[in-house]
């Protein structure tokens, strides 16, 4: 298995989120929200759609 460098706290959060959410899609959405908060910028899926067209 490939070793991925992830802090213990982050890994624990992922496990807790995975246990708390009903589907993995919900986990991804939660991670995107957390990532957006970390970057101080809300995630905008529309930008991805524009990139596909461009």
PDB file of N, CA and C in Angstrom:
ATOM      1  N   UNK A   1       0.838  -1.206   0.000  1.00  0.00           N
ATOM      2  CA  UNK A   1       0.000   0.000   0.000  1.00  0.00           C
ATOM      3  C   UNK A   1       0.874   1.259   0.000  1.00  0.00           C
ATOM      4  N   UNK A   2       0.468   2.230  -0.765  1.00  0.00           N
ATOM      5  CA  UNK A   2       1.231   3.486  -0.828  1.00  0.00           C
ATOM      6  C   UNK A   2       1.051   4.264   0.465  1.00  0.00           C
ATOM      7  N   UNK A   3       2.157   4.767   0.989  1.00  0.00           N
ATOM      8  CA  UNK A   3       2.075   5.535   2.229  1.00  0.00           C
ATOM      9  C   UNK A   3       1.732   6.989   1.923  1.00  0.00           C
ATOM     10  N   UNK A   4       0.649   7.469   2.523  1.00  0.00           N
ATOM     11  CA  UNK A   4       0.245   8.857   2.315  1.00  0.00           C
ATOM     12  C   UNK A   4       0.510   9.638   3.594  1.00  0.00           C
ATOM     13  N   UNK A   5       1.237  10.741   3.468  1.00  0.00           N
ATOM     14  CA  UNK A   5       1.564  11.538   4.651  1.00  0.00           C
ATOM     15  C   UNK A   5       0.339  12.342   5.095  1.00  0.00           C
ATOM     16  N   UNK A   6      -0.267  11.884   6.177  1.00  0.00           N
ATOM     17  CA  UNK A   6      -1.442  12.585   6.720  1.00  0.00           C
ATOM     18  C   UNK A   6      -1.306  12.675   8.229  1.00  0.00           C
ATOM     19  N   UNK A   7      -1.526  13.851   8.761  1.00  0.00           N
ATOM     20  CA  UNK A   7      -1.402  14.013  10.211  1.00  0.00           C
ATOM     21  C   UNK A   7      -2.446  13.154  10.923  1.00  0.00           C
ATOM     22  N   UNK A   8      -2.136  12.769  12.142  1.00  0.00           N
ATOM     23  CA  UNK A   8      -3.040  11.903  12.903  1.00  0.00           C
ATOM     24  C   UNK A   8      -4.404  12.560  13.065  1.00  0.00           C
ATOM     25  N   UNK A   9      -4.408  13.864  13.339  1.00  0.00           N
ATOM     26  CA  UNK A   9      -5.678  14.559  13.560  1.00  0.00           C
ATOM     27  C   UNK A   9      -6.525  14.532  12.290  1.00  0.00           C
ATOM     28  N   UNK A  10      -5.893  14.754  11.150  1.00  0.00           N
ATOM     29  CA  UNK A  10      -6.625  14.745   9.882  1.00  0.00           C
ATOM     30  C   UNK A  10      -7.201  13.359   9.627  1.00  0.00           C
ATOM     31  N   UNK A  11      -6.389  12.327   9.837  1.00  0.00           N
ATOM     32  CA  UNK A  11      -6.850  10.954   9.620  1.00  0.00           C
ATOM     33  C   UNK A  11      -8.026  10.630  10.536  1.00  0.00           C
ATOM     34  N   UNK A  12      -7.897  11.040  11.807  1.00  0.00           N
ATOM     35  CA  UNK A  12      -8.979  10.789  12.761  1.00  0.00           C
ATOM     36  C   UNK A  12     -10.251  11.492  12.320  1.00  0.00           C
ATOM     37  N   UNK A  13     -10.098  12.713  11.807  1.00  0.00           N
ATOM     38  CA  UNK A  13     -11.275  13.453  11.331  1.00  0.00           C
ATOM     39  C   UNK A  13     -11.933  12.705  10.179  1.00  0.00           C
ATOM     40  N   UNK A  14     -11.108  12.187   9.262  1.00  0.00           N
ATOM     41  CA  UNK A  14     -11.656  11.460   8.116  1.00  0.00           C
ATOM     42  C   UNK A  14     -12.432  10.241   8.595  1.00  0.00           C
ATOM     43  N   UNK A  15     -11.858   9.515   9.561  1.00  0.00           N
ATOM     44  CA  UNK A  15     -12.530   8.324  10.089  1.00  0.00           C
ATOM     45  C   UNK A  15     -13.844   8.705  10.752  1.00  0.00           C
ATOM     46  N   UNK A  16     -13.813   9.749  11.577  1.00  0.00           N
ATOM     47  CA  UNK A  16     -15.026  10.188  12.277  1.00  0.00           C
ATOM     48  C   UNK A  16     -16.079  10.650  11.269  1.00  0.00           C
ATOM     49  N   UNK A  17     -15.648  11.385  10.245  1.00  0.00           N
ATOM     50  CA  UNK A  17     -16.591  11.857   9.231  1.00  0.00           C
ATOM     51  C   UNK A  17     -17.196  10.671   8.493  1.00  0.00           C
ATOM     52  N   UNK A  18     -16.355   9.700   8.139  1.00  0.00           N
ATOM     53  CA  UNK A  18     -16.837   8.540   7.395  1.00  0.00           C
ATOM     54  C   UNK A  18     -17.840   7.759   8.227  1.00  0.00           C
ATOM     55  N   UNK A  19     -17.590   7.688   9.545  1.00  0.00           N
ATOM     56  CA  UNK A  19     -18.509   6.975  10.425  1.00  0.00           C
ATOM     57  C   UNK A  19     -19.801   7.749  10.613  1.00  0.00           C
ATOM     58  N   UNK A  20     -19.680   9.082  10.641  1.00  0.00           N
ATOM     59  CA  UNK A  20     -20.847   9.911  10.921  1.00  0.00           C
ATOM     60  C   UNK A  20     -21.750  10.114   9.710  1.00  0.00           C
ATOM     61  N   UNK A  21     -21.169  10.028   8.509  1.00  0.00           N
ATOM     62  CA  UNK A  21     -21.962  10.278   7.305  1.00  0.00           C
ATOM     63  C   UNK A  21     -22.597   8.989   6.781  1.00  0.00           C
ATOM     64  N   UNK A  22     -23.738   9.135   6.098  1.00  0.00           N
ATOM     65  CA  UNK A  22     -24.433   7.967   5.560  1.00  0.00           C
ATOM     66  C   UNK A  22     -23.738   7.469   4.292  1.00  0.00           C
ATOM     67  N   UNK A  23     -23.290   8.382   3.449  1.00  0.00           N
ATOM     68  CA  UNK A  23     -22.660   7.984   2.190  1.00  0.00           C
ATOM     69  C   UNK A  23     -21.304   8.658   2.052  1.00  0.00           C
ATOM     70  N   UNK A  24     -20.427   8.067   1.240  1.00  0.00           N
ATOM     71  CA  UNK A  24     -19.092   8.629   1.047  1.00  0.00           C
ATOM     72  C   UNK A  24     -19.179   9.970   0.341  1.00  0.00           C
ATOM     73  N   UNK A  25     -20.222  10.156  -0.473  1.00  0.00           N
ATOM     74  CA  UNK A  25     -20.407  11.436  -1.168  1.00  0.00           C
ATOM     75  C   UNK A  25     -20.557  12.564  -0.144  1.00  0.00           C
ATOM     76  N   UNK A  26     -21.262  12.285   0.946  1.00  0.00           N
ATOM     77  CA  UNK A  26     -21.431  13.293   2.005  1.00  0.00           C
ATOM     78  C   UNK A  26     -20.079  13.649   2.611  1.00  0.00           C
ATOM     79  N   UNK A  27     -19.208  12.634   2.741  1.00  0.00           N
ATOM     80  CA  UNK A  27     -17.873  12.874   3.293  1.00  0.00           C
ATOM     81  C   UNK A  27     -17.098  13.808   2.384  1.00  0.00           C
ATOM     82  N   UNK A  28     -17.187  13.548   1.061  1.00  0.00           N
ATOM     83  CA  UNK A  28     -16.475  14.392   0.091  1.00  0.00           C
ATOM     84  C   UNK A  28     -16.989  15.822   0.182  1.00  0.00           C
ATOM     85  N   UNK A  29     -18.305  15.986   0.260  1.00  0.00           N
ATOM     86  CA  UNK A  29     -18.882  17.330   0.366  1.00  0.00           C
ATOM     87  C   UNK A  29     -18.373  18.022   1.624  1.00  0.00           C
ATOM     88  N   UNK A  30     -18.317  17.291   2.737  1.00  0.00           N
ATOM     89  CA  UNK A  30     -17.848  17.870   4.004  1.00  0.00           C
ATOM     90  C   UNK A  30     -16.386  18.282   3.877  1.00  0.00           C
ATOM     91  N   UNK A  31     -15.576  17.418   3.212  1.00  0.00           N
ATOM     92  CA  UNK A  31     -14.155  17.735   3.037  1.00  0.00           C
ATOM     93  C   UNK A  31     -14.004  18.978   2.167  1.00  0.00           C
ATOM     94  N   UNK A  32     -14.846  19.099   1.128  1.00  0.00           N
ATOM     95  CA  UNK A  32     -14.769  20.276   0.258  1.00  0.00           C
ATOM     96  C   UNK A  32     -15.110  21.530   1.053  1.00  0.00           C
ATOM     97  N   UNK A  33     -16.101  21.427   1.928  1.00  0.00           N
ATOM     98  CA  UNK A  33     -16.470  22.578   2.752  1.00  0.00           C
ATOM     99  C   UNK A  33     -15.331  22.944   3.699  1.00  0.00           C
ATOM    100  N   UNK A  34     -14.715  21.917   4.316  1.00  0.00           N
ATOM    101  CA  UNK A  34     -13.595  22.171   5.238  1.00  0.00           C
ATOM    102  C   UNK A  34     -12.434  22.782   4.478  1.00  0.00           C
ATOM    103  N   UNK A  35     -12.181  22.273   3.257  1.00  0.00           N
ATOM    104  CA  UNK A  35     -11.087  22.812   2.448  1.00  0.00           C
ATOM    105  C   UNK A  35     -11.369  24.263   2.082  1.00  0.00           C
ATOM    106  N   UNK A  36     -12.625  24.550   1.745  1.00  0.00           N
ATOM    107  CA  UNK A  36     -13.001  25.918   1.389  1.00  0.00           C
ATOM    108  C   UNK A  36     -12.815  26.849   2.575  1.00  0.00           C
ATOM    109  N   UNK A  37     -13.174  26.371   3.774  1.00  0.00           N
ATOM    110  CA  UNK A  37     -13.001  27.191   4.975  1.00  0.00           C
ATOM    111  C   UNK A  37     -11.515  27.427   5.237  1.00  0.00           C
ATOM    112  N   UNK A  38     -10.691  26.408   4.994  1.00  0.00           N
ATOM    113  CA  UNK A  38      -9.253  26.530   5.232  1.00  0.00           C
ATOM    114  C   UNK A  38      -8.646  27.560   4.278  1.00  0.00           C
ATOM    115  N   UNK A  39      -9.162  27.615   3.057  1.00  0.00           N
ATOM    116  CA  UNK A  39      -8.662  28.561   2.061  1.00  0.00           C
ATOM    117  C   UNK A  39      -9.383  29.906   2.167  1.00  0.00           C
ATOM    118  N   UNK A  40     -10.360  29.998   3.093  1.00  0.00           N
ATOM    119  CA  UNK A  40     -11.144  31.232   3.252  1.00  0.00           C
ATOM    120  C   UNK A  40     -11.916  31.560   1.968  1.00  0.00           C
ATOM    121  N   UNK A  41     -12.159  30.542   1.153  1.00  0.00           N
ATOM    122  CA  UNK A  41     -12.910  30.760  -0.091  1.00  0.00           C
ATOM    123  C   UNK A  41     -13.895  29.606  -0.252  1.00  0.00           C
ATOM    124  N   UNK A  42     -15.187  29.911  -0.393  1.00  0.00           N
ATOM    125  CA  UNK A  42     -16.204  28.862  -0.545  1.00  0.00           C
ATOM    126  C   UNK A  42     -16.009  28.106  -1.854  1.00  0.00           C
ATOM    127  N   UNK A  43     -16.125  26.769  -1.843  1.00  0.00           N
ATOM    128  CA  UNK A  43     -15.965  25.970  -3.058  1.00  0.00           C
ATOM    129  C   UNK A  43     -17.032  26.311  -4.093  1.00  0.00           C
ATOM    130  N   UNK A  44     -16.617  26.493  -5.348  1.00  0.00           N
ATOM    131  CA  UNK A  44     -17.578  26.820  -6.408  1.00  0.00           C
ATOM    132  C   UNK A  44     -17.466  25.810  -7.537  1.00  0.00           C
ATOM    133  N   UNK A  45     -18.338  24.769  -7.523  1.00  0.00           N
ATOM    134  CA  UNK A  45     -18.322  23.728  -8.561  1.00  0.00           C
ATOM    135  C   UNK A  45     -18.508  24.300  -9.962  1.00  0.00           C
ATOM    136  N   UNK A  46     -19.165  25.469 -10.068  1.00  0.00           N
ATOM    137  CA  UNK A  46     -19.409  26.074 -11.380  1.00  0.00           C
ATOM    138  C   UNK A  46     -18.092  26.348 -12.103  1.00  0.00           C
ATOM    139  N   UNK A  47     -17.050  26.711 -11.359  1.00  0.00           N
ATOM    140  CA  UNK A  47     -15.750  26.993 -11.967  1.00  0.00           C
ATOM    141  C   UNK A  47     -15.222  25.759 -12.686  1.00  0.00           C
ATOM    142  N   UNK A  48     -15.457  24.583 -12.095  1.00  0.00           N
ATOM    143  CA  UNK A  48     -14.992  23.346 -12.709  1.00  0.00           C
ATOM    144  C   UNK A  48     -15.695  23.131 -14.046  1.00  0.00           C
ATOM    145  N   UNK A  49     -16.987  23.464 -14.099  1.00  0.00           N
ATOM    146  CA  UNK A  49     -17.739  23.305 -15.341  1.00  0.00           C
ATOM    147  C   UNK A  49     -17.178  24.220 -16.423  1.00  0.00           C
ATOM    148  N   UNK A  50     -16.816  25.447 -16.040  1.00  0.00           N
ATOM    149  CA  UNK A  50     -16.258  26.390 -16.994  1.00  0.00           C
ATOM    150  C   UNK A  50     -14.931  25.877 -17.540  1.00  0.00           C
ATOM    151  N   UNK A  51     -14.116  25.271 -16.644  1.00  0.00           N
ATOM    152  CA  UNK A  51     -12.820  24.753 -17.073  1.00  0.00           C
ATOM    153  C   UNK A  51     -12.992  23.636 -18.091  1.00  0.00           C
ATOM    154  N   UNK A  52     -14.042  22.823 -17.925  1.00  0.00           N
ATOM    155  CA  UNK A  52     -14.303  21.739 -18.879  1.00  0.00           C
ATOM    156  C   UNK A  52     -14.552  22.324 -20.267  1.00  0.00           C
ATOM    157  N   UNK A  53     -15.332  23.406 -20.321  1.00  0.00           N
ATOM    158  CA  UNK A  53     -15.672  24.015 -21.611  1.00  0.00           C
ATOM    159  C   UNK A  53     -14.471  24.710 -22.224  1.00  0.00           C
ATOM    160  N   UNK A  54     -13.571  25.221 -21.372  1.00  0.00           N
ATOM    161  CA  UNK A  54     -12.462  25.988 -21.883  1.00  0.00           C
ATOM    162  C   UNK A  54     -11.295  25.115 -22.243  1.00  0.00           C
TER     163      UNK A  54
END
